[in-house]
Amino acid sequence: MAFSLVTRPYKTTIRAITTRRILYWLAATVVLLVVGTIIGLIWADTSDVAGAFAGVTNIVSGVGIVLLLIALAVKRRRRPS
């Protein structure tokens, strides 16, 4: 009983996230990056708000892509044997 209290719950580990879900989120962040870039290219010269939106989406999606690629690498590295 004492051993079960020490172990971490299954839901808090990377194993609880499926590879498919990571890939879906990776695709969504790539779409966000593309949309932010398109908005930046089309409307950033005419509107400060559009330029700020494009900058924020590019930063957020860039960080998200890096984090998701790290999560995917960790997930694929920890294959149960």
Protein backbone atom coordinates (compact mmCIF):
# COMPACT_ATOMS: atom_id res chain seq x y z
CA MET A 1 0.00 0.00 0.00
CA ALA A 2 2.81 2.43 0.81
CA PHE A 3 4.35 1.79 -2.61
CA SER A 4 1.18 2.81 -4.45
CA LEU A 5 1.12 6.14 -2.63
CA VAL A 6 4.63 6.95 -3.80
CA THR A 7 4.18 6.20 -7.50
CA ARG A 8 2.94 8.89 -9.81
CA PRO A 9 -0.56 8.59 -11.24
CA TYR A 10 -0.81 7.45 -14.86
CA LYS A 11 -2.65 10.58 -16.00
CA THR A 12 0.18 12.96 -15.16
CA THR A 13 2.85 11.29 -17.31
CA ILE A 14 3.62 11.65 -20.99
CA ARG A 15 2.27 8.13 -21.51
CA ALA A 16 -1.27 9.45 -21.05
CA ILE A 17 -0.95 11.53 -24.24
CA THR A 18 -1.23 9.55 -27.44
CA THR A 19 1.08 10.05 -30.40
CA ARG A 20 -1.93 10.79 -32.58
CA ARG A 21 -3.01 13.63 -30.28
CA ILE A 22 0.49 15.13 -30.36
CA LEU A 23 0.46 14.98 -34.16
CA TYR A 24 -2.97 16.65 -34.32
CA TRP A 25 -1.77 19.49 -32.09
CA LEU A 26 1.37 19.77 -34.19
CA ALA A 27 -0.75 20.12 -37.33
CA ALA A 28 -2.90 22.76 -35.61
CA THR A 29 0.14 24.81 -34.63
CA VAL A 30 1.48 24.62 -38.18
CA VAL A 31 -1.88 25.91 -39.43
CA LEU A 32 -1.71 28.71 -36.86
CA LEU A 33 1.76 29.60 -38.10
CA VAL A 34 0.59 29.69 -41.72
CA VAL A 35 -2.47 31.80 -40.90
CA GLY A 36 -0.40 34.22 -38.85
CA THR A 37 2.12 34.54 -41.66
CA ILE A 38 -0.59 35.14 -44.27
CA ILE A 39 -2.22 37.80 -42.11
CA GLY A 40 1.16 39.37 -41.56
CA LEU A 41 1.98 39.42 -45.26
CA ILE A 42 -1.39 40.78 -46.39
CA TRP A 43 -2.51 43.22 -43.71
CA ALA A 44 0.46 44.10 -41.51
CA ASP A 45 1.44 47.11 -43.59
CA THR A 46 -2.03 48.67 -43.26
CA SER A 47 -2.90 47.83 -39.64
CA ASP A 48 -0.89 47.74 -36.43
CA VAL A 49 -3.38 45.28 -34.92
CA ALA A 50 -2.90 42.83 -37.79
CA GLY A 51 0.87 43.11 -37.45
CA ALA A 52 0.67 42.48 -33.71
CA PHE A 53 -1.66 39.52 -34.28
CA ALA A 54 0.71 38.06 -36.85
CA GLY A 55 3.69 38.51 -34.54
CA VAL A 56 1.97 36.92 -31.58
CA THR A 57 0.67 33.96 -33.59
CA ASN A 58 4.11 33.36 -35.08
CA ILE A 59 5.77 33.38 -31.66
CA VAL A 60 3.12 31.20 -30.03
CA SER A 61 3.07 28.69 -32.87
CA GLY A 62 6.87 28.57 -33.04
CA VAL A 63 7.13 27.80 -29.33
CA GLY A 64 4.26 25.32 -29.62
CA ILE A 65 5.91 23.48 -32.50
CA VAL A 66 9.18 23.16 -30.59
CA LEU A 67 7.43 21.90 -27.45
CA LEU A 68 5.32 19.41 -29.39
CA LEU A 69 8.36 18.09 -31.25
CA ILE A 70 10.10 17.58 -27.90
CA ALA A 71 7.01 15.79 -26.55
CA LEU A 72 6.88 13.62 -29.66
CA ALA A 73 10.54 12.70 -29.30
CA VAL A 74 10.06 11.82 -25.64
CA LYS A 75 6.95 9.81 -26.44
CA ARG A 76 8.67 7.81 -29.18
CA ARG A 77 11.77 7.28 -27.06
CA ARG A 78 9.80 5.82 -24.14
CA ARG A 79 8.23 2.89 -25.94
CA PRO A 80 7.11 0.25 -23.44
CA SER A 81 8.98 -2.99 -23.87
